[in-house]
Each structure stands twice: as structure tokens, then as C-alpha cells.
PDB file of all heavy atoms in Angstrom:
ATOM      1  N   LEU A   1    -109.656  -2.740-160.175  1.00  0.00           N
ATOM      2  CA  LEU A   1    -110.310  -2.074-159.061  1.00  0.00           C
ATOM      3  C   LEU A   1    -110.556  -0.628-159.450  1.00  0.00           C
ATOM      4  O   LEU A   1    -109.647   0.066-159.912  1.00  0.00           O
ATOM      5  CB  LEU A   1    -109.430  -2.119-157.801  1.00  0.00           C
ATOM      6  CG  LEU A   1    -109.120  -3.488-157.212  1.00  0.00           C
ATOM      7  CD1 LEU A   1    -108.204  -3.336-156.002  1.00  0.00           C
ATOM      8  CD2 LEU A   1    -110.394  -4.217-156.819  1.00  0.00           C
ATOM      9  N   LEU A   2    -111.793  -0.180-159.284  1.00  0.00           N
ATOM     10  CA  LEU A   2    -112.152   1.213-159.523  1.00  0.00           C
ATOM     11  C   LEU A   2    -112.254   1.915-158.169  1.00  0.00           C
ATOM     12  O   LEU A   2    -112.760   1.335-157.205  1.00  0.00           O
ATOM     13  CB  LEU A   2    -113.490   1.313-160.249  1.00  0.00           C
ATOM     14  CG  LEU A   2    -113.707   0.447-161.487  1.00  0.00           C
ATOM     15  CD1 LEU A   2    -115.079   0.724-162.086  1.00  0.00           C
ATOM     16  CD2 LEU A   2    -112.623   0.680-162.512  1.00  0.00           C
ATOM     17  N   PHE A   3    -111.802   3.158-158.098  1.00  0.00           N
ATOM     18  CA  PHE A   3    -111.955   3.895-156.850  1.00  0.00           C
ATOM     19  C   PHE A   3    -111.786   5.386-157.095  1.00  0.00           C
ATOM     20  O   PHE A   3    -111.307   5.824-158.149  1.00  0.00           O
ATOM     21  CB  PHE A   3    -110.953   3.410-155.791  1.00  0.00           C
ATOM     22  CG  PHE A   3    -109.501   3.560-156.144  1.00  0.00           C
ATOM     23  CD1 PHE A   3    -108.768   4.661-155.713  1.00  0.00           C
ATOM     24  CD2 PHE A   3    -108.847   2.595-156.905  1.00  0.00           C
ATOM     25  CE1 PHE A   3    -107.429   4.797-156.025  1.00  0.00           C
ATOM     26  CE2 PHE A   3    -107.500   2.714-157.212  1.00  0.00           C
ATOM     27  CZ  PHE A   3    -106.791   3.823-156.773  1.00  0.00           C
ATOM     28  N   GLU A   4    -112.208   6.152-156.085  1.00  0.00           N
ATOM     29  CA  GLU A   4    -112.054   7.597-156.098  1.00  0.00           C
ATOM     30  C   GLU A   4    -110.984   7.988-155.086  1.00  0.00           C
ATOM     31  O   GLU A   4    -110.925   7.428-153.979  1.00  0.00           O
ATOM     32  CB  GLU A   4    -113.379   8.282-155.723  1.00  0.00           C
ATOM     33  CG  GLU A   4    -114.568   7.920-156.600  1.00  0.00           C
ATOM     34  CD  GLU A   4    -114.473   8.511-157.991  1.00  0.00           C
ATOM     35  OE1 GLU A   4    -113.828   9.573-158.131  1.00  0.00           O
ATOM     36  OE2 GLU A   4    -115.035   7.911-158.924  1.00  0.00           O
ATOM     37  N   ALA A   5    -110.159   8.945-155.448  1.00  0.00           N
ATOM     38  CA  ALA A   5    -109.163   9.504-154.534  1.00  0.00           C
ATOM     39  C   ALA A   5    -109.453  10.989-154.371  1.00  0.00           C
ATOM     40  O   ALA A   5    -109.513  11.726-155.360  1.00  0.00           O
ATOM     41  CB  ALA A   5    -107.748   9.285-155.065  1.00  0.00           C
ATOM     42  N   THR A   6    -109.646  11.431-153.137  1.00  0.00           N
ATOM     43  CA  THR A   6    -109.926  12.837-152.858  1.00  0.00           C
ATOM     44  C   THR A   6    -108.995  13.332-151.754  1.00  0.00           C
ATOM     45  O   THR A   6    -108.643  12.582-150.832  1.00  0.00           O
ATOM     46  CB  THR A   6    -111.388  13.056-152.439  1.00  0.00           C
ATOM     47  OG1 THR A   6    -111.675  12.211-151.309  1.00  0.00           O
ATOM     48  CG2 THR A   6    -112.344  12.698-153.571  1.00  0.00           C
ATOM     49  N   TRP A   7    -108.608  14.590-151.851  1.00  0.00           N
ATOM     50  CA  TRP A   7    -107.745  15.227-150.860  1.00  0.00           C
ATOM     51  C   TRP A   7    -108.547  16.341-150.184  1.00  0.00           C
ATOM     52  O   TRP A   7    -108.706  17.430-150.752  1.00  0.00           O
ATOM     53  CB  TRP A   7    -106.508  15.797-151.521  1.00  0.00           C
ATOM     54  CG  TRP A   7    -105.489  14.759-151.916  1.00  0.00           C
ATOM     55  CD1 TRP A   7    -104.377  14.406-151.212  1.00  0.00           C
ATOM     56  CD2 TRP A   7    -105.476  13.961-153.103  1.00  0.00           C
ATOM     57  NE1 TRP A   7    -103.678  13.423-151.873  1.00  0.00           N
ATOM     58  CE2 TRP A   7    -104.329  13.135-153.046  1.00  0.00           C
ATOM     59  CE3 TRP A   7    -106.330  13.846-154.221  1.00  0.00           C
ATOM     60  CZ2 TRP A   7    -104.011  12.225-154.042  1.00  0.00           C
ATOM     61  CZ3 TRP A   7    -106.018  12.945-155.208  1.00  0.00           C
ATOM     62  CH2 TRP A   7    -104.870  12.137-155.123  1.00  0.00           C
ATOM     63  N   PRO A   8    -109.084  16.100-148.988  1.00  0.00           N
ATOM     64  CA  PRO A   8    -109.890  17.120-148.305  1.00  0.00           C
ATOM     65  C   PRO A   8    -109.148  18.434-148.079  1.00  0.00           C
ATOM     66  O   PRO A   8    -109.770  19.501-148.011  1.00  0.00           O
ATOM     67  CB  PRO A   8    -110.240  16.448-146.968  1.00  0.00           C
ATOM     68  CG  PRO A   8    -110.173  14.991-147.245  1.00  0.00           C
ATOM     69  CD  PRO A   8    -109.065  14.835-148.229  1.00  0.00           C
ATOM     70  N   ASP A   9    -107.806  18.378-147.964  1.00  0.00           N
ATOM     71  CA  ASP A   9    -107.036  19.604-147.735  1.00  0.00           C
ATOM     72  C   ASP A   9    -106.697  20.331-149.027  1.00  0.00           C
ATOM     73  O   ASP A   9    -105.990  21.348-149.009  1.00  0.00           O
ATOM     74  CB  ASP A   9    -105.756  19.285-146.963  1.00  0.00           C
ATOM     75  CG  ASP A   9    -104.803  18.384-147.752  1.00  0.00           C
ATOM     76  OD1 ASP A   9    -105.138  17.994-148.884  1.00  0.00           O
ATOM     77  OD2 ASP A   9    -103.709  18.070-147.225  1.00  0.00           O
ATOM     78  N   GLY A  10    -107.171  19.809-150.162  1.00  0.00           N
ATOM     79  CA  GLY A  10    -106.916  20.466-151.435  1.00  0.00           C
ATOM     80  C   GLY A  10    -105.546  20.234-152.009  1.00  0.00           C
ATOM     81  O   GLY A  10    -105.136  20.944-152.941  1.00  0.00           O
ATOM     82  N   SER A  11    -104.814  19.230-151.515  1.00  0.00           N
ATOM     83  CA  SER A  11    -103.471  18.960-152.029  1.00  0.00           C
ATOM     84  C   SER A  11    -103.478  18.618-153.509  1.00  0.00           C
ATOM     85  O   SER A  11    -102.500  18.858-154.222  1.00  0.00           O
ATOM     86  CB  SER A  11    -102.824  17.806-151.248  1.00  0.00           C
ATOM     87  OG  SER A  11    -102.707  18.114-149.891  1.00  0.00           O
ATOM     88  N   ALA A  12    -104.558  18.045-154.004  1.00  0.00           N
ATOM     89  CA  ALA A  12    -104.674  17.656-155.411  1.00  0.00           C
ATOM     90  C   ALA A  12    -106.157  17.567-155.748  1.00  0.00           C
ATOM     91  O   ALA A  12    -106.999  17.376-154.860  1.00  0.00           O
ATOM     92  CB  ALA A  12    -103.979  16.323-155.657  1.00  0.00           C
ATOM     93  N   PRO A  13    -106.498  17.703-157.030  1.00  0.00           N
ATOM     94  CA  PRO A  13    -107.899  17.540-157.428  1.00  0.00           C
ATOM     95  C   PRO A  13    -108.330  16.081-157.299  1.00  0.00           C
ATOM     96  O   PRO A  13    -107.511  15.165-157.373  1.00  0.00           O
ATOM     97  CB  PRO A  13    -107.914  18.004-158.881  1.00  0.00           C
ATOM     98  CG  PRO A  13    -106.509  17.835-159.348  1.00  0.00           C
ATOM     99  CD  PRO A  13    -105.635  18.071-158.165  1.00  0.00           C
ATOM    100  N   ALA A  14    -109.615  15.878-157.111  1.00  0.00           N
ATOM    101  CA  ALA A  14    -110.157  14.520-157.012  1.00  0.00           C
ATOM    102  C   ALA A  14    -109.908  13.757-158.299  1.00  0.00           C
ATOM    103  O   ALA A  14    -109.940  14.327-159.399  1.00  0.00           O
ATOM    104  CB  ALA A  14    -111.642  14.570-156.700  1.00  0.00           C
ATOM    105  N   LEU A  15    -109.639  12.463-158.151  1.00  0.00           N
ATOM    106  CA  LEU A  15    -109.349  11.618-159.304  1.00  0.00           C
ATOM    107  C   LEU A  15    -110.185  10.352-159.260  1.00  0.00           C
ATOM    108  O   LEU A  15    -110.357   9.742-158.198  1.00  0.00           O
ATOM    109  CB  LEU A  15    -107.871  11.209-159.318  1.00  0.00           C
ATOM    110  CG  LEU A  15    -106.820  12.293-159.523  1.00  0.00           C
ATOM    111  CD1 LEU A  15    -105.431  11.688-159.363  1.00  0.00           C
ATOM    112  CD2 LEU A  15    -106.966  12.929-160.893  1.00  0.00           C
ATOM    113  N   GLY A  16    -110.679   9.956-160.409  1.00  0.00           N
ATOM    114  CA  GLY A  16    -111.223   8.616-160.579  1.00  0.00           C
ATOM    115  C   GLY A  16    -110.138   7.739-161.164  1.00  0.00           C
ATOM    116  O   GLY A  16    -109.532   8.082-162.192  1.00  0.00           O
ATOM    117  N   LEU A  17    -109.839   6.618-160.514  1.00  0.00           N
ATOM    118  CA  LEU A  17    -108.686   5.805-160.889  1.00  0.00           C
ATOM    119  C   LEU A  17    -109.075   4.353-161.085  1.00  0.00           C
ATOM    120  O   LEU A  17    -110.095   3.883-160.572  1.00  0.00           O
ATOM    121  CB  LEU A  17    -107.603   5.907-159.808  1.00  0.00           C
ATOM    122  CG  LEU A  17    -106.994   7.302-159.594  1.00  0.00           C
ATOM    123  CD1 LEU A  17    -106.162   7.334-158.322  1.00  0.00           C
ATOM    124  CD2 LEU A  17    -106.154   7.716-160.796  1.00  0.00           C
ATOM    125  N   VAL A  18    -108.239   3.656-161.830  1.00  0.00           N
ATOM    126  CA  VAL A  18    -108.379   2.217-162.039  1.00  0.00           C
ATOM    127  C   VAL A  18    -107.032   1.581-161.753  1.00  0.00           C
ATOM    128  O   VAL A  18    -106.007   2.008-162.299  1.00  0.00           O
ATOM    129  CB  VAL A  18    -108.802   1.877-163.490  1.00  0.00           C
ATOM    130  CG1 VAL A  18    -108.923   0.363-163.654  1.00  0.00           C
ATOM    131  CG2 VAL A  18    -110.101   2.563-163.855  1.00  0.00           C
ATOM    132  N   ALA A  19    -107.029   0.572-160.898  1.00  0.00           N
ATOM    133  CA  ALA A  19    -105.839  -0.239-160.654  1.00  0.00           C
ATOM    134  C   ALA A  19    -106.046  -1.577-161.326  1.00  0.00           C
ATOM    135  O   ALA A  19    -107.057  -2.244-161.104  1.00  0.00           O
ATOM    136  CB  ALA A  19    -105.598  -0.414-159.162  1.00  0.00           C
ATOM    137  N   ARG A  20    -105.095  -1.977-162.148  1.00  0.00           N
ATOM    138  CA  ARG A  20    -105.206  -3.239-162.881  1.00  0.00           C
ATOM    139  C   ARG A  20    -104.098  -4.176-162.420  1.00  0.00           C
ATOM    140  O   ARG A  20    -102.921  -3.818-162.436  1.00  0.00           O
ATOM    141  CB  ARG A  20    -105.108  -2.987-164.378  1.00  0.00           C
ATOM    142  CG  ARG A  20    -105.471  -4.189-165.238  1.00  0.00           C
ATOM    143  CD  ARG A  20    -105.745  -3.771-166.653  1.00  0.00           C
ATOM    144  NE  ARG A  20    -105.979  -4.882-167.533  1.00  0.00           N
ATOM    145  CZ  ARG A  20    -107.140  -5.501-167.692  1.00  0.00           C
ATOM    146  NH1 ARG A  20    -108.181  -5.099-166.995  1.00  0.00           N
ATOM    147  NH2 ARG A  20    -107.273  -6.505-168.528  1.00  0.00           N
ATOM    148  N   MET A  21    -104.497  -5.387-161.995  1.00  0.00           N
ATOM    149  CA  MET A  21    -103.572  -6.350-161.408  1.00  0.00           C
ATOM    150  C   MET A  21    -103.806  -7.735-161.997  1.00  0.00           C
ATOM    151  O   MET A  21    -104.887  -8.016-162.509  1.00  0.00           O
ATOM    152  CB  MET A  21    -103.802  -6.419-159.893  1.00  0.00           C
ATOM    153  CG  MET A  21    -103.567  -5.125-159.156  1.00  0.00           C
ATOM    154  SD  MET A  21    -104.137  -5.228-157.431  1.00  0.00           S
ATOM    155  CE  MET A  21    -105.913  -5.110-157.675  1.00  0.00           C
ATOM    156  N   PRO A  22    -102.812  -8.607-161.892  1.00  0.00           N
ATOM    157  CA  PRO A  22    -103.042 -10.004-162.293  1.00  0.00           C
ATOM    158  C   PRO A  22    -103.877 -10.711-161.239  1.00  0.00           C
ATOM    159  O   PRO A  22    -103.888 -10.306-160.068  1.00  0.00           O
ATOM    160  CB  PRO A  22    -101.626 -10.587-162.353  1.00  0.00           C
ATOM    161  CG  PRO A  22    -100.854  -9.789-161.362  1.00  0.00           C
ATOM    162  CD  PRO A  22    -101.424  -8.400-161.419  1.00  0.00           C
ATOM    163  N   PRO A  23    -104.575 -11.758-161.618  1.00  0.00           N
ATOM    164  CA  PRO A  23    -105.278 -12.565-160.618  1.00  0.00           C
ATOM    165  C   PRO A  23    -104.282 -13.348-159.772  1.00  0.00           C
ATOM    166  O   PRO A  23    -103.162 -13.632-160.213  1.00  0.00           O
ATOM    167  CB  PRO A  23    -106.142 -13.511-161.462  1.00  0.00           C
ATOM    168  CG  PRO A  23    -105.399 -13.637-162.746  1.00  0.00           C
ATOM    169  CD  PRO A  23    -104.723 -12.306-162.976  1.00  0.00           C
ATOM    170  N   GLU A  24    -104.680 -13.698-158.547  1.00  0.00           N
ATOM    171  CA  GLU A  24    -103.819 -14.548-157.735  1.00  0.00           C
ATOM    172  C   GLU A  24    -103.726 -15.942-158.352  1.00  0.00           C
ATOM    173  O   GLU A  24    -104.614 -16.381-159.079  1.00  0.00           O
ATOM    174  CB  GLU A  24    -104.371 -14.692-156.313  1.00  0.00           C
ATOM    175  CG  GLU A  24    -104.707 -13.399-155.626  1.00  0.00           C
ATOM    176  CD  GLU A  24    -106.170 -13.021-155.791  1.00  0.00           C
ATOM    177  OE1 GLU A  24    -106.716 -13.224-156.905  1.00  0.00           O
ATOM    178  OE2 GLU A  24    -106.764 -12.524-154.836  1.00  0.00           O
ATOM    179  N   GLN A  25    -102.659 -16.631-158.050  1.00  0.00           N
ATOM    180  CA  GLN A  25    -102.501 -17.994-158.545  1.00  0.00           C
ATOM    181  C   GLN A  25    -103.616 -18.908-158.024  1.00  0.00           C
ATOM    182  O   GLN A  25    -104.001 -19.868-158.677  1.00  0.00           O
ATOM    183  CB  GLN A  25    -101.131 -18.545-158.151  1.00  0.00           C
ATOM    184  CG  GLN A  25     -99.965 -17.907-158.910  1.00  0.00           C
ATOM    185  CD  GLN A  25    -100.092 -18.095-160.420  1.00  0.00           C
ATOM    186  OE1 GLN A  25    -100.299 -19.213-160.901  1.00  0.00           O
ATOM    187  NE2 GLN A  25     -99.967 -17.007-161.164  1.00  0.00           N
ATOM    188  N   THR A  26    -104.140 -18.605-156.847  1.00  0.00           N
ATOM    189  CA  THR A  26    -105.215 -19.432-156.286  1.00  0.00           C
ATOM    190  C   THR A  26    -106.535 -19.259-157.026  1.00  0.00           C
ATOM    191  O   THR A  26    -107.466 -20.024-156.795  1.00  0.00           O
ATOM    192  CB  THR A  26    -105.428 -19.107-154.800  1.00  0.00           C
ATOM    193  OG1 THR A  26    -105.676 -17.694-154.655  1.00  0.00           O
ATOM    194  CG2 THR A  26    -104.210 -19.488-153.984  1.00  0.00           C
ATOM    195  N   SER A  27    -106.621 -18.241-157.893  1.00  0.00           N
ATOM    196  CA  SER A  27    -107.865 -18.019-158.625  1.00  0.00           C
ATOM    197  C   SER A  27    -107.856 -18.673-159.999  1.00  0.00           C
ATOM    198  O   SER A  27    -108.684 -18.357-160.843  1.00  0.00           O
ATOM    199  CB  SER A  27    -108.133 -16.517-158.765  1.00  0.00           C
ATOM    200  OG  SER A  27    -107.197 -15.920-159.632  1.00  0.00           O
ATOM    201  N   PHE A  28    -106.898 -19.611-160.236  1.00  0.00           N
ATOM    202  CA  PHE A  28    -106.852 -20.367-161.475  1.00  0.00           C
ATOM    203  C   PHE A  28    -106.786 -19.405-162.675  1.00  0.00           C
ATOM    204  O   PHE A  28    -107.702 -19.307-163.478  1.00  0.00           O
ATOM    205  CB  PHE A  28    -108.092 -21.263-161.595  1.00  0.00           C
ATOM    206  CG  PHE A  28    -107.871 -22.527-162.380  1.00  0.00           C
ATOM    207  CD1 PHE A  28    -107.517 -23.703-161.736  1.00  0.00           C
ATOM    208  CD2 PHE A  28    -108.018 -22.561-163.744  1.00  0.00           C
ATOM    209  CE1 PHE A  28    -107.326 -24.878-162.448  1.00  0.00           C
ATOM    210  CE2 PHE A  28    -107.826 -23.729-164.469  1.00  0.00           C
ATOM    211  CZ  PHE A  28    -107.487 -24.896-163.811  1.00  0.00           C
ATOM    212  N   PRO A  29    -105.673 -18.671-162.807  1.00  0.00           N
ATOM    213  CA  PRO A  29    -105.578 -17.623-163.830  1.00  0.00           C
ATOM    214  C   PRO A  29    -105.728 -18.160-165.240  1.00  0.00           C
ATOM    215  O   PRO A  29    -105.415 -19.308-165.533  1.00  0.00           O
ATOM    216  CB  PRO A  29    -104.186 -17.033-163.592  1.00  0.00           C
ATOM    217  CG  PRO A  29    -103.428 -18.082-162.867  1.00  0.00           C
ATOM    218  CD  PRO A  29    -104.433 -18.799-162.026  1.00  0.00           C
ATOM    219  N   VAL A  30    -106.209 -17.285-166.118  1.00  0.00           N
ATOM    220  CA  VAL A  30    -106.432 -17.659-167.512  1.00  0.00           C
ATOM    221  C   VAL A  30    -105.115 -17.784-168.265  1.00  0.00           C
ATOM    222  O   VAL A  30    -104.967 -18.655-169.130  1.00  0.00           O
ATOM    223  CB  VAL A  30    -107.357 -16.638-168.194  1.00  0.00           C
ATOM    224  CG1 VAL A  30    -107.487 -16.922-169.695  1.00  0.00           C
ATOM    225  CG2 VAL A  30    -108.742 -16.661-167.545  1.00  0.00           C
ATOM    226  N   PHE A  31    -104.161 -16.932-167.953  1.00  0.00           N
ATOM    227  CA  PHE A  31    -102.875 -16.930-168.652  1.00  0.00           C
ATOM    228  C   PHE A  31    -101.755 -17.319-167.694  1.00  0.00           C
ATOM    229  O   PHE A  31    -101.839 -17.075-166.479  1.00  0.00           O
ATOM    230  CB  PHE A  31    -102.603 -15.558-169.262  1.00  0.00           C
ATOM    231  CG  PHE A  31    -103.609 -15.145-170.291  1.00  0.00           C
ATOM    232  CD1 PHE A  31    -104.408 -14.029-170.106  1.00  0.00           C
ATOM    233  CD2 PHE A  31    -103.768 -15.874-171.457  1.00  0.00           C
ATOM    234  CE1 PHE A  31    -105.347 -13.641-171.055  1.00  0.00           C
ATOM    235  CE2 PHE A  31    -104.699 -15.504-172.417  1.00  0.00           C
ATOM    236  CZ  PHE A  31    -105.488 -14.393-172.217  1.00  0.00           C
ATOM    237  N   PRO A  32    -100.661 -17.881-168.213  1.00  0.00           N
ATOM    238  CA  PRO A  32     -99.594 -18.358-167.332  1.00  0.00           C
ATOM    239  C   PRO A  32     -98.757 -17.251-166.712  1.00  0.00           C
ATOM    240  O   PRO A  32     -98.157 -17.449-165.659  1.00  0.00           O
ATOM    241  CB  PRO A  32     -98.736 -19.237-168.243  1.00  0.00           C
ATOM    242  CG  PRO A  32     -99.023 -18.769-169.633  1.00  0.00           C
ATOM    243  CD  PRO A  32    -100.445 -18.298-169.616  1.00  0.00           C
ATOM    244  N   SER A  33     -98.687 -16.062-167.346  1.00  0.00           N
ATOM    245  CA  SER A  33     -97.874 -14.982-166.806  1.00  0.00           C
ATOM    246  C   SER A  33     -98.455 -13.646-167.258  1.00  0.00           C
ATOM    247  O   SER A  33     -99.203 -13.575-168.238  1.00  0.00           O
ATOM    248  CB  SER A  33     -96.414 -15.104-167.267  1.00  0.00           C
ATOM    249  OG  SER A  33     -96.330 -15.006-168.681  1.00  0.00           O
ATOM    250  N   TYR A  34     -98.088 -12.610-166.517  1.00  0.00           N
ATOM    251  CA  TYR A  34     -98.603 -11.269-166.761  1.00  0.00           C
ATOM    252  C   TYR A  34     -97.443 -10.286-166.658  1.00  0.00           C
ATOM    253  O   TYR A  34     -96.925 -10.039-165.563  1.00  0.00           O
ATOM    254  CB  TYR A  34     -99.699 -10.912-165.749  1.00  0.00           C
ATOM    255  CG  TYR A  34    -100.939 -11.763-165.873  1.00  0.00           C
ATOM    256  CD1 TYR A  34    -100.970 -13.058-165.372  1.00  0.00           C
ATOM    257  CD2 TYR A  34    -102.068 -11.281-166.513  1.00  0.00           C
ATOM    258  CE1 TYR A  34    -102.105 -13.849-165.500  1.00  0.00           C
ATOM    259  CE2 TYR A  34    -103.205 -12.059-166.644  1.00  0.00           C
ATOM    260  CZ  TYR A  34    -103.219 -13.346-166.141  1.00  0.00           C
ATOM    261  OH  TYR A  34    -104.342 -14.127-166.277  1.00  0.00           O
ATOM    262  N   ASP A  35     -96.989  -9.753-167.794  1.00  0.00           N
ATOM    263  CA  ASP A  35     -95.874  -8.838-167.822  1.00  0.00           C
ATOM    264  C   ASP A  35     -96.415  -7.408-167.791  1.00  0.00           C
ATOM    265  O   ASP A  35     -96.691  -6.802-168.826  1.00  0.00           O
ATOM    266  CB  ASP A  35     -95.027  -9.067-169.077  1.00  0.00           C
ATOM    267  CG  ASP A  35     -93.724  -8.300-169.063  1.00  0.00           C
ATOM    268  OD1 ASP A  35     -93.635  -7.292-168.347  1.00  0.00           O
ATOM    269  OD2 ASP A  35     -92.786  -8.717-169.775  1.00  0.00           O
ATOM    270  N   PHE A  36     -96.555  -6.859-166.576  1.00  0.00           N
ATOM    271  CA  PHE A  36     -97.160  -5.539-166.451  1.00  0.00           C
ATOM    272  C   PHE A  36     -96.218  -4.431-166.892  1.00  0.00           C
ATOM    273  O   PHE A  36     -96.661  -3.373-167.335  1.00  0.00           O
ATOM    274  CB  PHE A  36     -97.650  -5.320-165.014  1.00  0.00           C
ATOM    275  CG  PHE A  36     -99.052  -5.836-164.801  1.00  0.00           C
ATOM    276  CD1 PHE A  36     -99.393  -7.132-165.154  1.00  0.00           C
ATOM    277  CD2 PHE A  36    -100.031  -5.018-164.278  1.00  0.00           C
ATOM    278  CE1 PHE A  36    -100.677  -7.597-164.984  1.00  0.00           C
ATOM    279  CE2 PHE A  36    -101.327  -5.474-164.102  1.00  0.00           C
ATOM    280  CZ  PHE A  36    -101.660  -6.762-164.453  1.00  0.00           C
ATOM    281  N   ARG A  37     -94.912  -4.628-166.786  1.00  0.00           N
ATOM    282  CA  ARG A  37     -93.981  -3.640-167.325  1.00  0.00           C
ATOM    283  C   ARG A  37     -94.162  -3.526-168.830  1.00  0.00           C
ATOM    284  O   ARG A  37     -94.214  -2.418-169.378  1.00  0.00           O
ATOM    285  CB  ARG A  37     -92.542  -4.045-166.978  1.00  0.00           C
ATOM    286  CG  ARG A  37     -91.465  -3.384-167.818  1.00  0.00           C
ATOM    287  CD  ARG A  37     -91.522  -1.862-167.807  1.00  0.00           C
ATOM    288  NE  ARG A  37     -91.228  -1.290-166.518  1.00  0.00           N
ATOM    289  CZ  ARG A  37     -91.281   0.013-166.244  1.00  0.00           C
ATOM    290  NH1 ARG A  37     -91.660   0.874-167.188  1.00  0.00           N
ATOM    291  NH2 ARG A  37     -91.002   0.469-165.040  1.00  0.00           N
ATOM    292  N   LEU A  38     -94.287  -4.647-169.502  1.00  0.00           N
ATOM    293  CA  LEU A  38     -94.458  -4.621-170.951  1.00  0.00           C
ATOM    294  C   LEU A  38     -95.781  -3.958-171.318  1.00  0.00           C
ATOM    295  O   LEU A  38     -95.842  -3.127-172.237  1.00  0.00           O
ATOM    296  CB  LEU A  38     -94.388  -6.032-171.515  1.00  0.00           C
ATOM    297  CG  LEU A  38     -94.476  -6.174-173.034  1.00  0.00           C
ATOM    298  CD1 LEU A  38     -93.386  -5.374-173.723  1.00  0.00           C
ATOM    299  CD2 LEU A  38     -94.399  -7.646-173.443  1.00  0.00           C
ATOM    300  N   GLN A  39     -96.857  -4.297-170.624  1.00  0.00           N
ATOM    301  CA  GLN A  39     -98.144  -3.669-170.898  1.00  0.00           C
ATOM    302  C   GLN A  39     -98.061  -2.155-170.720  1.00  0.00           C
ATOM    303  O   GLN A  39     -98.573  -1.383-171.549  1.00  0.00           O
ATOM    304  CB  GLN A  39     -99.226  -4.231-169.976  1.00  0.00           C
ATOM    305  CG  GLN A  39     -99.626  -5.662-170.257  1.00  0.00           C
ATOM    306  CD  GLN A  39    -100.738  -6.120-169.339  1.00  0.00           C
ATOM    307  OE1 GLN A  39    -101.738  -5.413-169.154  1.00  0.00           O
ATOM    308  NE2 GLN A  39    -100.586  -7.290-168.743  1.00  0.00           N
ATOM    309  N   TYR A  40     -97.450  -1.742-169.644  1.00  0.00           N
ATOM    310  CA  TYR A  40     -97.321  -0.318-169.348  1.00  0.00           C
ATOM    311  C   TYR A  40     -96.546   0.382-170.458  1.00  0.00           C
ATOM    312  O   TYR A  40     -96.956   1.437-170.966  1.00  0.00           O
ATOM    313  CB  TYR A  40     -96.621  -0.156-168.004  1.00  0.00           C
ATOM    314  CG  TYR A  40     -96.500   1.263-167.503  1.00  0.00           C
ATOM    315  CD1 TYR A  40     -97.505   1.846-166.733  1.00  0.00           C
ATOM    316  CD2 TYR A  40     -95.365   2.040-167.793  1.00  0.00           C
ATOM    317  CE1 TYR A  40     -97.385   3.153-166.256  1.00  0.00           C
ATOM    318  CE2 TYR A  40     -95.247   3.338-167.332  1.00  0.00           C
ATOM    319  CZ  TYR A  40     -96.255   3.879-166.559  1.00  0.00           C
ATOM    320  OH  TYR A  40     -96.142   5.169-166.092  1.00  0.00           O
ATOM    321  N   ASP A  41     -95.419  -0.195-170.850  1.00  0.00           N
ATOM    322  CA  ASP A  41     -94.595   0.415-171.895  1.00  0.00           C
ATOM    323  C   ASP A  41     -95.340   0.504-173.222  1.00  0.00           C
ATOM    324  O   ASP A  41     -95.200   1.492-173.965  1.00  0.00           O
ATOM    325  CB  ASP A  41     -93.298  -0.377-172.078  1.00  0.00           C
ATOM    326  CG  ASP A  41     -92.340  -0.220-170.900  1.00  0.00           C
ATOM    327  OD1 ASP A  41     -92.542   0.687-170.071  1.00  0.00           O
ATOM    328  OD2 ASP A  41     -91.390  -1.033-170.810  1.00  0.00           O
ATOM    329  N   VAL A  42     -96.118  -0.524-173.547  1.00  0.00           N
ATOM    330  CA  VAL A  42     -96.900  -0.495-174.786  1.00  0.00           C
ATOM    331  C   VAL A  42     -97.921   0.632-174.740  1.00  0.00           C
ATOM    332  O   VAL A  42     -98.076   1.402-175.704  1.00  0.00           O
ATOM    333  CB  VAL A  42     -97.581  -1.854-175.028  1.00  0.00           C
ATOM    334  CG1 VAL A  42     -98.624  -1.750-176.144  1.00  0.00           C
ATOM    335  CG2 VAL A  42     -96.547  -2.917-175.379  1.00  0.00           C
ATOM    336  N   MET A  43     -98.636   0.759-173.623  1.00  0.00           N
ATOM    337  CA  MET A  43     -99.644   1.809-173.515  1.00  0.00           C
ATOM    338  C   MET A  43     -99.021   3.191-173.604  1.00  0.00           C
ATOM    339  O   MET A  43     -99.560   4.097-174.253  1.00  0.00           O
ATOM    340  CB  MET A  43    -100.408   1.639-172.200  1.00  0.00           C
ATOM    341  CG  MET A  43    -101.253   0.380-172.145  1.00  0.00           C
ATOM    342  SD  MET A  43    -101.952   0.063-170.498  1.00  0.00           S
ATOM    343  CE  MET A  43    -103.209   1.338-170.412  1.00  0.00           C
ATOM    344  N   VAL A  44     -97.866   3.380-172.960  1.00  0.00           N
ATOM    345  CA  VAL A  44     -97.165   4.659-173.047  1.00  0.00           C
ATOM    346  C   VAL A  44     -96.816   4.983-174.493  1.00  0.00           C
ATOM    347  O   VAL A  44     -97.024   6.117-174.977  1.00  0.00           O
ATOM    348  CB  VAL A  44     -95.896   4.635-172.169  1.00  0.00           C
ATOM    349  CG1 VAL A  44     -95.002   5.839-172.487  1.00  0.00           C
ATOM    350  CG2 VAL A  44     -96.260   4.638-170.688  1.00  0.00           C
ATOM    351  N   ALA A  45     -96.290   3.996-175.218  1.00  0.00           N
ATOM    352  CA  ALA A  45     -95.878   4.226-176.601  1.00  0.00           C
ATOM    353  C   ALA A  45     -97.074   4.496-177.508  1.00  0.00           C
ATOM    354  O   ALA A  45     -96.992   5.334-178.420  1.00  0.00           O
ATOM    355  CB  ALA A  45     -95.072   3.034-177.107  1.00  0.00           C
TER     356      ALA A  45
END
């Protein structure tokens, strides 16, 4: 999901963000499991 986050009161600068999630089980996923902690840790490293 792509979206913009803005703070009209100036609490933070505007950000363009991406949220990445696994598909629901009802959507017949391509892979049997999605380890988002592992993905996150790999990207950090």
C-alpha cells in the first residue's frame, strides 16, 4: 500500500510511505508463509 502522511500542525514533515503485508489466506497466497521479522532484519542488515 502506498500513501502520503501529512501533519497539518507541523508535528513532522510530510512522508511518502509504503506498507508491505502478506496476502490474506482467502486470496490464495503464492507462498505458504511470510516471515516479516526476518525480512525486516535482513533489510536492516
